Amino acid sequence: MRPVADIAREVLSALDEHLQIAPFTGRDGGLEARQAQAVARELARLREARGLTKVGRKIGFTNRGIWPEYDVWAPIWGDVWDATLADAQPGMTVAVGDLVQPRIEPEIMVGLEDDLEPGMDVGAIAGRIGWIAHGYEIVQSPFPDWRFRAADCTAVGALHGMLLVGPRRPVPRAERSTLPRALANLTISLRRDGTEVDLGLGANVLDGPVHALAHLVAALAEDADEAPVRAGDIISTGTITRAFPIAPGERWQTIVGNYDLPGMDVTFV
């Protein structure tokens, strides 16, 4: 396998210049999961050297329903940065021209009030969630036609492009015990230019957004090189519907059902 630093520099260059590249897993030497995570850490180091700051994580491929579509059969995760995070306002416009093959994913985001520790169950994790929000993760793929393996996705920062976070709803302590079931039961209708393209259930993401967060806590605990989830982190828990290509001029809206969160309304330019 090529040196980790070389792969990370190629990834960053491809994303900077909006280029498509061949998947690393199909090249001579290939790329394995542990090596891909090392590439992701080096990619993060390069971004920090540019002055970017980590603000949380995104969890990808938590929706089991999309696994056959992408031939990826387990969740992955990546970093979210101050430069890729934006608070979303109804009717806002968002530029996506700097992203490679962008797609939209309606998700539930959570903000952590306290650190999360290995071994915590879903209920204990829910007790440390300070706020929740609905928003979009815009993912991108430098690999042609979105064809890749899981290790490729990890190496490019888990396909993260940007995170648009809607209004943050504080969660009172008395309500937190109900979060796992409540978020699993919510629905999201995703609409492009007024026409529904998909309808998803919160339980699609590993049985619910809090369950997806529990998966992340356990996965990080298995890797001594990875920092745990900390107070103040923003976590995006995975797409509740399928992911769809987006293009300038399109207006994408959501309607949230069975839970008190506002929908999204964004036009891309």
Protein backbone atom coordinates (compact mmCIF):
# COMPACT_ATOMS: atom_id res chain seq x y z
CA MET A 1 0.00 0.00 0.00
CA ARG A 2 1.13 3.55 -0.65
CA PRO A 3 2.14 5.63 2.35
CA VAL A 4 -0.81 6.96 4.31
CA ALA A 5 0.37 10.56 3.93
CA ASP A 6 0.47 10.23 0.13
CA ILE A 7 -3.09 8.94 -0.02
CA ALA A 8 -4.34 11.70 2.27
CA ARG A 9 -2.70 14.35 0.11
CA GLU A 10 -4.29 12.85 -3.00
CA VAL A 11 -7.72 12.92 -1.31
CA LEU A 12 -7.35 16.53 -0.24
CA SER A 13 -6.16 17.58 -3.69
CA ALA A 14 -9.09 15.81 -5.37
CA LEU A 15 -11.61 17.51 -3.08
CA ASP A 16 -9.91 20.90 -3.44
CA GLU A 17 -9.88 20.70 -7.23
CA HIS A 18 -13.28 18.94 -7.58
CA LEU A 19 -11.71 15.93 -9.29
CA GLN A 20 -12.82 12.34 -9.57
CA ILE A 21 -10.32 9.61 -8.74
CA ALA A 22 -10.21 5.83 -8.87
CA PRO A 23 -11.17 4.02 -5.65
CA PHE A 24 -8.12 3.06 -3.60
CA THR A 25 -9.47 -0.42 -2.91
CA GLY A 26 -9.23 -1.26 -6.62
CA ARG A 27 -5.63 -0.13 -7.04
CA ASP A 28 -2.44 -2.14 -6.61
CA GLY A 29 -1.95 -2.75 -2.91
CA GLY A 30 -5.59 -2.04 -2.11
CA LEU A 31 -6.79 -0.38 1.07
CA GLU A 32 -8.05 -2.02 4.26
CA ALA A 33 -10.33 -0.60 6.93
CA ARG A 34 -7.61 0.13 9.52
CA GLN A 35 -5.40 1.72 6.89
CA ALA A 36 -8.32 3.82 5.68
CA GLN A 37 -8.89 5.13 9.20
CA ALA A 38 -5.23 6.11 9.38
CA VAL A 39 -5.66 7.99 6.09
CA ALA A 40 -8.69 9.78 7.54
CA ARG A 41 -6.66 10.85 10.58
CA GLU A 42 -3.91 12.19 8.34
CA LEU A 43 -6.52 14.01 6.24
CA ALA A 44 -7.80 15.58 9.44
CA ARG A 45 -4.27 16.62 10.39
CA LEU A 46 -3.86 18.33 7.02
CA ARG A 47 -7.12 20.20 7.51
CA GLU A 48 -6.15 21.27 11.02
CA ALA A 49 -2.88 22.58 9.59
CA ARG A 50 -5.02 24.85 7.40
CA GLY A 51 -6.71 26.23 10.51
CA LEU A 52 -9.90 24.14 10.51
CA THR A 53 -11.37 22.97 13.82
CA LYS A 54 -13.29 19.77 14.50
CA VAL A 55 -16.78 20.37 15.87
CA GLY A 56 -18.17 16.85 15.84
CA ARG A 57 -18.73 13.76 13.76
CA LYS A 58 -21.03 12.35 11.12
CA ILE A 59 -22.08 8.73 11.05
CA GLY A 60 -22.56 7.30 7.60
CA PHE A 61 -24.37 4.23 6.27
CA THR A 62 -26.50 3.82 9.39
CA ASN A 63 -29.52 3.35 7.12
CA ARG A 64 -29.54 -0.37 6.37
CA GLY A 65 -31.95 0.22 3.50
CA ILE A 66 -29.27 1.88 1.37
CA TRP A 67 -26.54 -0.72 1.93
CA PRO A 68 -27.33 -2.73 -1.24
CA GLU A 69 -27.42 0.46 -3.32
CA TYR A 70 -23.83 1.33 -2.42
CA ASP A 71 -22.48 -2.15 -1.62
CA VAL A 72 -21.44 -0.91 1.81
CA TRP A 73 -22.68 -3.15 4.60
CA ALA A 74 -21.75 -1.44 7.85
CA PRO A 75 -21.69 2.10 9.27
CA ILE A 76 -18.68 4.40 8.98
CA TRP A 77 -17.91 7.75 10.56
CA GLY A 78 -15.97 10.95 9.85
CA ASP A 79 -15.25 14.42 11.16
CA VAL A 80 -17.38 17.57 10.91
CA TRP A 81 -15.52 20.89 10.75
CA ASP A 82 -16.28 24.49 11.59
CA ALA A 83 -15.83 25.27 7.89
CA THR A 84 -18.36 22.60 6.81
CA LEU A 85 -21.02 23.43 9.43
CA ALA A 86 -23.79 26.01 8.92
CA ASP A 87 -26.96 26.93 10.77
CA ALA A 88 -29.87 26.59 8.36
CA GLN A 89 -32.62 29.18 8.02
CA PRO A 90 -35.90 28.62 6.11
CA GLY A 91 -35.60 29.75 2.50
CA MET A 92 -31.80 29.99 2.56
CA THR A 93 -29.64 29.37 -0.50
CA VAL A 94 -26.56 27.17 -0.32
CA ALA A 95 -23.76 26.90 -2.88
CA VAL A 96 -22.71 23.35 -3.76
CA GLY A 97 -20.42 24.05 -6.72
CA ASP A 98 -17.33 23.21 -4.68
CA LEU A 99 -18.55 19.70 -3.90
CA VAL A 100 -17.92 16.60 -6.03
CA GLN A 101 -21.12 14.77 -7.10
CA PRO A 102 -23.11 16.12 -4.12
CA ARG A 103 -26.08 14.28 -2.66
CA ILE A 104 -28.57 15.28 0.03
CA GLU A 105 -29.32 13.34 3.21
CA PRO A 106 -32.02 14.42 5.70
CA GLU A 107 -30.80 13.57 9.18
CA ILE A 108 -31.23 14.08 12.90
CA MET A 109 -28.36 15.89 14.64
CA VAL A 110 -27.69 15.84 18.38
CA GLY A 111 -25.60 18.07 20.62
CA LEU A 112 -23.83 16.50 23.59
CA GLU A 113 -24.14 18.08 27.01
CA ASP A 114 -21.67 15.64 28.60
CA ASP A 115 -18.97 13.22 27.49
CA LEU A 116 -20.06 9.77 26.31
CA GLU A 117 -18.20 6.82 27.78
CA PRO A 118 -17.64 3.28 26.47
CA GLY A 119 -20.21 0.80 27.70
CA MET A 120 -23.05 3.30 28.07
CA ASP A 121 -26.43 1.95 26.99
CA VAL A 122 -28.95 3.82 24.84
CA GLY A 123 -30.79 5.22 27.84
CA ALA A 124 -27.65 6.59 29.46
CA ILE A 125 -26.55 8.16 26.18
CA ALA A 126 -29.94 9.81 25.73
CA GLY A 127 -29.53 11.35 29.17
CA ARG A 128 -26.50 13.29 27.96
CA ILE A 129 -28.09 14.80 24.83
CA GLY A 130 -28.57 18.53 25.34
CA TRP A 131 -30.33 19.38 22.07
CA ILE A 132 -31.58 17.84 18.87
CA ALA A 133 -32.14 19.26 15.41
CA HIS A 134 -33.16 18.20 11.94
CA GLY A 135 -31.03 19.15 8.98
CA TYR A 136 -29.21 18.05 5.86
CA GLU A 137 -25.83 16.49 5.46
CA ILE A 138 -24.54 17.12 1.95
CA VAL A 139 -22.25 14.26 1.06
CA GLN A 140 -19.82 14.09 -1.83
CA SER A 141 -17.88 11.40 -3.66
CA PRO A 142 -14.65 11.85 -5.62
CA PHE A 143 -15.17 8.29 -6.89
CA PRO A 144 -16.95 8.11 -10.28
CA ASP A 145 -20.65 7.20 -10.22
CA TRP A 146 -20.55 6.72 -6.45
CA ARG A 147 -18.85 3.34 -6.86
CA PHE A 148 -16.54 2.40 -3.98
CA ARG A 149 -15.94 0.17 -0.96
CA ALA A 150 -16.35 1.13 2.68
CA ALA A 151 -12.61 1.72 3.11
CA ASP A 152 -12.64 4.24 0.26
CA CYS A 153 -15.44 6.16 1.98
CA THR A 154 -13.56 6.25 5.27
CA ALA A 155 -10.38 7.49 3.61
CA VAL A 156 -12.11 10.53 2.10
CA GLY A 157 -13.57 11.69 5.41
CA ALA A 158 -16.68 9.48 5.25
CA LEU A 159 -17.93 11.39 2.18
CA HIS A 160 -18.68 14.49 4.27
CA GLY A 161 -19.26 17.72 2.36
CA MET A 162 -21.25 20.04 4.61
CA LEU A 163 -23.74 19.91 7.46
CA LEU A 164 -26.77 22.23 7.50
CA VAL A 165 -28.29 22.22 10.97
CA GLY A 166 -31.83 23.48 11.53
CA PRO A 167 -33.12 25.10 14.73
CA ARG A 168 -31.73 23.37 17.80
CA ARG A 169 -34.40 22.12 20.18
CA PRO A 170 -33.22 21.89 23.82
CA VAL A 171 -34.12 18.59 25.46
CA PRO A 172 -35.18 18.93 29.11
CA ARG A 173 -33.76 16.24 31.37
CA ALA A 174 -37.23 14.93 32.13
CA GLU A 175 -37.78 14.25 28.42
CA ARG A 176 -34.52 12.50 27.65
CA SER A 177 -35.64 9.01 28.65
CA THR A 178 -38.23 9.15 25.87
CA LEU A 179 -35.78 10.19 23.15
CA PRO A 180 -34.75 6.75 21.83
CA ARG A 181 -38.32 5.71 21.05
CA ALA A 182 -39.53 9.16 20.00
CA LEU A 183 -36.75 9.71 17.47
CA ALA A 184 -37.12 6.17 16.14
CA ASN A 185 -40.80 6.86 15.42
CA LEU A 186 -40.46 10.20 13.64
CA THR A 187 -40.90 10.43 9.88
CA ILE A 188 -39.27 12.67 7.30
CA SER A 189 -40.81 13.44 3.93
CA LEU A 190 -38.12 14.61 1.49
CA ARG A 191 -39.30 16.81 -1.40
CA ARG A 192 -37.59 18.20 -4.48
CA ASP A 193 -39.27 21.22 -6.07
CA GLY A 194 -42.52 20.37 -4.28
CA THR A 195 -42.65 16.66 -5.17
CA GLU A 196 -42.01 13.98 -2.57
CA VAL A 197 -39.10 11.76 -3.58
CA ASP A 198 -38.88 9.62 -0.44
CA LEU A 199 -40.38 9.07 3.01
CA GLY A 200 -38.22 7.74 5.81
CA LEU A 201 -38.64 6.53 9.39
CA GLY A 202 -36.25 7.37 12.23
CA ALA A 203 -35.82 3.66 12.94
CA ASN A 204 -34.12 3.30 9.54
CA VAL A 205 -30.85 4.47 11.12
CA LEU A 206 -29.75 1.44 13.17
CA ASP A 207 -33.17 1.37 14.92
CA GLY A 208 -33.08 5.11 15.72
CA PRO A 209 -30.78 8.13 15.93
CA VAL A 210 -29.85 7.49 19.59
CA HIS A 211 -29.04 3.89 18.70
CA ALA A 212 -26.79 5.16 15.89
CA LEU A 213 -24.99 7.34 18.41
CA ALA A 214 -24.53 4.30 20.66
CA HIS A 215 -22.94 2.48 17.72
CA LEU A 216 -20.46 5.33 17.27
CA VAL A 217 -19.50 5.29 20.96
CA ALA A 218 -18.81 1.55 20.79
CA ALA A 219 -16.87 1.79 17.51
CA LEU A 220 -14.60 4.56 18.82
CA ALA A 221 -13.91 2.58 21.97
CA GLU A 222 -12.44 -0.22 19.85
CA ASP A 223 -9.77 2.06 18.34
CA ALA A 224 -7.15 3.43 20.73
CA ASP A 225 -6.14 6.05 18.16
CA GLU A 226 -9.57 7.69 18.13
CA ALA A 227 -10.87 10.26 20.60
CA PRO A 228 -14.21 9.52 22.28
CA VAL A 229 -17.36 11.61 21.89
CA ARG A 230 -17.06 14.72 24.07
CA ALA A 231 -19.36 17.34 25.54
CA GLY A 232 -20.08 20.03 22.95
CA ASP A 233 -19.74 17.67 19.97
CA ILE A 234 -22.35 17.78 17.22
CA ILE A 235 -23.21 14.34 15.85
CA SER A 236 -25.15 13.73 12.65
CA THR A 237 -26.71 10.29 12.89
CA GLY A 238 -27.26 9.24 9.28
CA THR A 239 -29.74 9.65 6.47
CA ILE A 240 -33.33 8.68 7.21
CA THR A 241 -34.24 8.47 3.51
CA ARG A 242 -32.20 7.50 0.50
CA ALA A 243 -29.55 10.00 -0.62
CA PHE A 244 -30.34 11.93 -3.80
CA PRO A 245 -28.18 13.90 -6.26
CA ILE A 246 -28.64 17.65 -6.03
CA ALA A 247 -28.05 20.36 -8.61
CA PRO A 248 -28.04 24.15 -8.64
CA GLY A 249 -31.53 25.61 -8.98
CA GLU A 250 -33.27 22.85 -7.03
CA ARG A 251 -35.34 23.53 -3.90
CA TRP A 252 -35.32 20.76 -1.31
CA GLN A 253 -37.79 20.67 1.57
CA THR A 254 -38.69 18.28 4.36
CA ILE A 255 -41.70 17.73 6.56
CA VAL A 256 -41.09 16.06 9.93
CA GLY A 257 -43.89 13.92 11.33
CA ASN A 258 -44.49 12.50 14.81
CA TYR A 259 -42.03 14.87 16.46
CA ASP A 260 -41.82 18.58 17.17
CA LEU A 261 -39.04 19.66 14.82
CA PRO A 262 -39.33 22.10 11.90
CA GLY A 263 -38.68 20.94 8.38
CA MET A 264 -35.92 22.18 6.11
CA ASP A 265 -36.30 24.50 3.09
CA VAL A 266 -33.10 25.06 1.10
CA THR A 267 -32.41 26.07 -2.49
CA PHE A 268 -29.06 25.10 -3.94
CA VAL A 269 -27.05 27.34 -6.22
